[in-house]
């Protein structure tokens, strides 16, 4: 009885959309999103025959792996830095939170103007510093546009990782480090045999959350480049959105949504198994 309200809410906002999307992927749907006829695995086979889908899926995986790796490494470095005892540490901790606390659409729009080729702050800086007289059009080139989006995503995600690692570092007793120093362990050995083992559960949980958020990061790409130029910066969630709400192809969009769900579910289960095994 006590769990009933929460279960009803979960059924309405989680279970029903997932089941509805799964069922829709087996039907041909009209432009209004209504089921027309049952096609079985026809939507899956036609989507898998689309080369663009596989390119976007591969780009989504690459985007997630690179972004999460950079967030983890930078967050770990910042967490260690913030855990040191020095003057002004509280101010720096507050400044670190700003990218994470800022609303993502607003931050993405600021970065979009920063990368603007004509009057963006980045190109203005490059000209003023004499680095180049003809800075690139960052968002017009497929390669630079992709890395510009990735930079923004990493910038937004680093604070969470840094704070998570900082909390994990503060939970490690100093007695372990004191004992290691007495035994003659150097800084690298203390990091390898004390810090990393104690941080492993935090790293597992933080990276799991980061993978799920990064793989589904719609706001950054859609606001900055809308998947352009020529869909070269689309990842699965932005391509799914365009398929559904621009091309009104709800059948293939349902298949992509379900594939996204399955990919993240399998990864989460594998990660959870690793986490509990560590526990």
Protein backbone atom coordinates (compact mmCIF):
# COMPACT_ATOMS: atom_id res chain seq x y z
CA UNK A 1 0.00 0.00 0.00
CA UNK A 2 2.81 2.39 0.85
CA UNK A 3 4.57 1.65 -2.43
CA UNK A 4 1.42 1.93 -4.57
CA UNK A 5 1.70 5.70 -5.37
CA UNK A 6 5.33 5.36 -6.43
CA UNK A 7 4.55 2.25 -8.50
CA UNK A 8 1.66 4.03 -10.23
CA UNK A 9 3.90 6.98 -11.06
CA UNK A 10 6.59 4.63 -12.39
CA UNK A 11 4.00 2.79 -14.46
CA UNK A 12 2.79 6.05 -16.01
CA UNK A 13 6.14 7.68 -16.79
CA UNK A 14 8.44 4.67 -17.29
CA UNK A 15 6.77 1.31 -17.88
CA UNK A 16 3.98 2.51 -20.20
CA UNK A 17 6.29 4.49 -22.57
CA UNK A 18 8.74 1.58 -22.79
CA UNK A 19 6.03 -1.00 -23.54
CA UNK A 20 4.24 1.36 -25.94
CA UNK A 21 7.48 2.04 -27.82
CA UNK A 22 8.26 -1.67 -28.05
CA UNK A 23 4.80 -2.44 -29.45
CA UNK A 24 4.97 0.50 -31.88
CA UNK A 25 8.21 -0.84 -33.34
CA UNK A 26 6.27 -3.85 -34.70
CA UNK A 27 3.63 -1.72 -36.46
CA UNK A 28 3.54 0.55 -39.49
CA UNK A 29 2.45 3.97 -38.22
CA UNK A 30 0.93 6.93 -40.05
CA UNK A 31 1.97 10.58 -39.78
CA UNK A 32 -0.30 11.01 -36.75
CA UNK A 33 1.45 8.24 -34.85
CA UNK A 34 -1.45 5.77 -35.12
CA UNK A 35 -0.92 2.09 -35.76
CA UNK A 36 -1.89 1.11 -39.32
CA UNK A 37 -0.89 -2.53 -39.67
CA UNK A 38 1.28 -5.14 -38.03
CA UNK A 39 4.61 -5.62 -39.86
CA UNK A 40 6.49 -7.78 -37.35
CA UNK A 41 10.25 -7.32 -37.70
CA UNK A 42 9.86 -5.33 -40.92
CA UNK A 43 10.74 -2.04 -39.24
CA UNK A 44 13.86 -3.58 -37.71
CA UNK A 45 15.06 -5.07 -41.01
CA UNK A 46 14.51 -1.85 -42.96
CA UNK A 47 16.28 0.19 -40.29
CA UNK A 48 19.22 -2.24 -40.16
CA UNK A 49 19.51 -1.92 -43.94
CA UNK A 50 19.96 1.85 -43.57
CA UNK A 51 23.69 2.68 -43.65
CA UNK A 52 23.04 6.03 -41.98
CA UNK A 53 21.70 4.29 -38.88
CA UNK A 54 24.92 2.28 -38.45
CA UNK A 55 27.06 5.37 -38.97
CA UNK A 56 25.07 7.26 -36.35
CA UNK A 57 25.19 4.31 -33.94
CA UNK A 58 28.97 3.99 -34.31
CA UNK A 59 29.34 7.75 -33.81
CA UNK A 60 27.18 7.52 -30.67
CA UNK A 61 29.42 4.82 -29.21
CA UNK A 62 32.58 6.76 -30.08
CA UNK A 63 31.06 9.96 -28.65
CA UNK A 64 30.18 8.19 -25.38
CA UNK A 65 33.50 6.37 -24.94
CA UNK A 66 35.67 9.43 -25.59
CA UNK A 67 33.52 11.85 -23.58
CA UNK A 68 33.21 9.56 -20.54
CA UNK A 69 36.93 8.78 -20.59
CA UNK A 70 37.82 12.49 -20.66
CA UNK A 71 35.30 13.32 -17.94
CA UNK A 72 36.61 10.52 -15.74
CA UNK A 73 40.29 11.43 -16.11
CA UNK A 74 39.71 15.18 -15.72
CA UNK A 75 37.27 14.63 -12.84
CA UNK A 76 39.74 12.37 -11.04
CA UNK A 77 42.51 14.94 -11.42
CA UNK A 78 40.29 17.76 -10.20
CA UNK A 79 38.99 15.63 -7.33
CA UNK A 80 42.55 14.98 -6.15
CA UNK A 81 43.37 18.69 -6.51
CA UNK A 82 40.27 19.76 -4.57
CA UNK A 83 41.09 17.28 -1.82
CA UNK A 84 44.39 19.01 -1.06
CA UNK A 85 44.69 21.51 1.79
CA UNK A 86 45.43 25.03 0.51
CA UNK A 87 44.07 28.55 0.83
CA UNK A 88 41.00 29.34 -1.29
CA UNK A 89 39.99 25.72 -1.65
CA UNK A 90 36.35 26.51 -0.87
CA UNK A 91 36.17 29.18 -3.60
CA UNK A 92 37.65 26.82 -6.19
CA UNK A 93 35.17 24.10 -5.21
CA UNK A 94 32.34 26.56 -5.75
CA UNK A 95 33.67 27.61 -9.17
CA UNK A 96 33.99 23.98 -10.24
CA UNK A 97 30.25 23.45 -9.70
CA UNK A 98 29.20 26.30 -12.05
CA UNK A 99 29.22 24.32 -15.34
CA UNK A 100 27.17 21.54 -13.77
CA UNK A 101 24.76 23.93 -12.02
CA UNK A 102 24.10 26.00 -15.16
CA UNK A 103 21.02 24.92 -17.18
CA UNK A 104 22.27 22.84 -20.11
CA UNK A 105 20.30 24.72 -22.82
CA UNK A 106 21.68 28.08 -21.65
CA UNK A 107 25.24 26.76 -21.42
CA UNK A 108 24.93 25.17 -24.88
CA UNK A 109 23.67 28.43 -26.39
CA UNK A 110 26.59 30.37 -24.87
CA UNK A 111 29.02 27.86 -26.33
CA UNK A 112 27.23 28.03 -29.69
CA UNK A 113 27.91 31.79 -29.83
CA UNK A 114 31.46 31.22 -28.60
CA UNK A 115 32.15 28.95 -31.59
CA UNK A 116 30.51 31.34 -34.06
CA UNK A 117 32.90 31.84 -36.98
CA UNK A 118 32.16 35.56 -37.53
CA UNK A 119 31.81 37.14 -34.10
CA UNK A 120 32.44 34.31 -31.65
CA UNK A 121 34.69 34.88 -28.67
CA UNK A 122 36.99 31.98 -29.59
CA UNK A 123 37.85 33.27 -33.06
CA UNK A 124 38.17 36.82 -31.70
CA UNK A 125 40.70 35.53 -29.16
CA UNK A 126 42.67 33.68 -31.85
CA UNK A 127 42.86 36.84 -33.95
CA UNK A 128 43.79 39.12 -31.07
CA UNK A 129 46.55 36.78 -29.91
CA UNK A 130 47.95 36.62 -33.44
CA UNK A 131 47.58 32.84 -33.58
CA UNK A 132 45.77 32.99 -36.92
CA UNK A 133 44.25 35.69 -39.11
CA UNK A 134 41.73 33.28 -40.62
CA UNK A 135 40.29 31.12 -37.82
CA UNK A 136 38.19 28.13 -38.84
CA UNK A 137 34.42 27.97 -39.10
CA UNK A 138 34.11 25.59 -36.20
CA UNK A 139 30.49 24.56 -36.66
CA UNK A 140 30.56 24.38 -40.47
CA UNK A 141 33.19 21.65 -40.72
CA UNK A 142 32.07 18.10 -39.77
CA UNK A 143 35.25 17.30 -37.82
CA UNK A 144 35.53 20.55 -35.86
CA UNK A 145 31.77 20.61 -35.26
CA UNK A 146 31.86 17.14 -33.72
CA UNK A 147 34.78 17.99 -31.43
CA UNK A 148 33.17 21.31 -30.50
CA UNK A 149 30.07 19.43 -29.32
CA UNK A 150 32.23 16.92 -27.49
CA UNK A 151 34.17 19.71 -25.75
CA UNK A 152 30.96 21.24 -24.46
CA UNK A 153 29.64 17.89 -23.25
CA UNK A 154 32.89 17.19 -21.39
CA UNK A 155 32.93 20.70 -19.91
CA UNK A 156 29.41 20.18 -18.57
CA UNK A 157 30.12 16.71 -17.17
CA UNK A 158 33.48 17.21 -15.44
CA UNK A 159 32.09 18.89 -12.26
CA UNK A 160 29.87 15.91 -11.41
CA UNK A 161 32.79 13.51 -11.74
CA UNK A 162 35.09 15.79 -9.75
CA UNK A 163 32.62 16.11 -6.87
CA UNK A 164 31.91 12.36 -6.86
CA UNK A 165 35.62 11.56 -6.68
CA UNK A 166 36.16 14.26 -4.05
CA UNK A 167 33.50 12.65 -1.86
CA UNK A 168 35.17 9.26 -2.34
CA UNK A 169 38.61 10.65 -1.52
CA UNK A 170 37.38 12.29 1.67
CA UNK A 171 36.01 8.93 2.83
CA UNK A 172 39.49 7.35 2.71
CA UNK A 173 41.16 7.35 6.12
CA UNK A 174 44.54 9.15 6.32
CA UNK A 175 45.84 6.28 8.42
CA UNK A 176 46.33 4.19 5.28
CA UNK A 177 48.51 6.88 3.71
CA UNK A 178 50.49 7.38 6.93
CA UNK A 179 51.15 3.64 7.18
CA UNK A 180 52.20 3.53 3.51
CA UNK A 181 54.59 6.46 4.03
CA UNK A 182 56.18 4.70 6.99
CA UNK A 183 56.67 1.63 4.78
CA UNK A 184 58.43 3.84 2.22
CA UNK A 185 55.73 3.93 -0.47
CA UNK A 186 56.05 6.80 -2.95
CA UNK A 187 53.19 8.94 -4.31
CA UNK A 188 52.52 6.69 -7.29
CA UNK A 189 52.41 3.58 -5.12
CA UNK A 190 50.05 5.25 -2.62
CA UNK A 191 47.78 6.25 -5.51
CA UNK A 192 47.87 2.79 -7.10
CA UNK A 193 47.43 0.67 -3.98
CA UNK A 194 45.31 2.90 -1.74
CA UNK A 195 43.48 5.61 -3.66
CA UNK A 196 42.34 3.64 -6.71
CA UNK A 197 41.11 0.53 -4.84
CA UNK A 198 39.06 2.62 -2.42
CA UNK A 199 37.72 4.78 -5.27
CA UNK A 200 36.74 1.82 -7.45
CA UNK A 201 33.08 1.68 -6.30
CA UNK A 202 32.74 5.44 -6.83
CA UNK A 203 34.35 5.19 -10.27
CA UNK A 204 31.96 2.39 -11.27
CA UNK A 205 28.81 4.27 -10.22
CA UNK A 206 29.95 7.66 -11.56
CA UNK A 207 30.97 6.29 -14.95
CA UNK A 208 27.74 4.29 -15.24
CA UNK A 209 25.69 7.45 -14.73
CA UNK A 210 27.97 9.39 -17.05
CA UNK A 211 27.59 6.79 -19.81
CA UNK A 212 23.80 6.93 -19.60
CA UNK A 213 23.72 10.74 -19.60
CA UNK A 214 26.29 11.09 -22.38
CA UNK A 215 24.71 8.49 -24.67
CA UNK A 216 21.39 10.34 -24.30
CA UNK A 217 22.82 13.87 -24.48
CA UNK A 218 20.28 15.47 -26.80
CA UNK A 219 20.52 19.11 -25.70
CA UNK A 220 24.15 19.89 -26.49
CA UNK A 221 24.22 18.59 -30.05
CA UNK A 222 20.76 19.74 -31.04
CA UNK A 223 21.25 23.27 -29.73
CA UNK A 224 24.79 23.82 -31.05
CA UNK A 225 24.66 22.14 -34.48
CA UNK A 226 21.25 20.41 -34.73
CA UNK A 227 23.18 17.38 -35.93
CA UNK A 228 24.73 19.27 -38.84
CA UNK A 229 26.42 19.94 -41.06
CA UNK A 230 24.63 17.31 -43.14
CA UNK A 231 23.87 15.06 -40.13
CA UNK A 232 27.59 14.55 -39.47
CA UNK A 233 27.28 15.31 -35.75
CA UNK A 234 24.08 13.38 -35.11
CA UNK A 235 24.08 10.74 -32.41
CA UNK A 236 21.30 8.23 -31.91
CA UNK A 237 19.01 10.42 -29.80
CA UNK A 238 19.17 13.43 -32.15
CA UNK A 239 18.74 11.21 -35.21
CA UNK A 240 15.78 9.56 -33.48
CA UNK A 241 14.21 12.95 -32.77
CA UNK A 242 14.57 14.06 -36.39
CA UNK A 243 13.17 10.78 -37.66
CA UNK A 244 10.11 11.10 -35.45
CA UNK A 245 9.30 14.80 -35.36
CA UNK A 246 10.81 16.17 -38.59
CA UNK A 247 10.27 13.24 -40.97
CA UNK A 248 7.24 11.87 -39.03
CA UNK A 249 8.57 8.32 -39.38
CA UNK A 250 7.35 7.07 -36.02
CA UNK A 251 7.87 3.38 -36.83
CA UNK A 252 11.63 3.64 -37.32
CA UNK A 253 11.88 6.15 -34.48
CA UNK A 254 10.24 3.61 -32.16
CA UNK A 255 12.76 0.97 -33.24
CA UNK A 256 15.66 3.36 -32.54
CA UNK A 257 14.20 4.30 -29.17
CA UNK A 258 13.87 0.66 -28.22
CA UNK A 259 17.42 -0.09 -29.41
CA UNK A 260 18.68 2.80 -27.27
CA UNK A 261 16.85 1.34 -24.30
CA UNK A 262 18.27 -2.14 -24.91
CA UNK A 263 21.85 -0.86 -25.35
CA UNK A 264 21.74 1.08 -22.09
CA UNK A 265 19.95 -1.75 -20.26
CA UNK A 266 22.56 -4.33 -21.28
CA UNK A 267 25.40 -1.99 -20.38
CA UNK A 268 23.80 -1.13 -17.02
CA UNK A 269 23.25 -4.79 -16.13
CA UNK A 270 26.83 -5.66 -17.04
CA UNK A 271 28.12 -2.73 -15.04
CA UNK A 272 25.90 -3.57 -12.06
CA UNK A 273 27.19 -7.12 -12.12
CA UNK A 274 30.75 -5.78 -12.04
CA UNK A 275 29.86 -3.38 -9.22
CA UNK A 276 28.29 -6.04 -7.00
CA UNK A 277 31.15 -8.37 -7.77
CA UNK A 278 33.54 -5.70 -6.49
CA UNK A 279 31.34 -5.26 -3.44
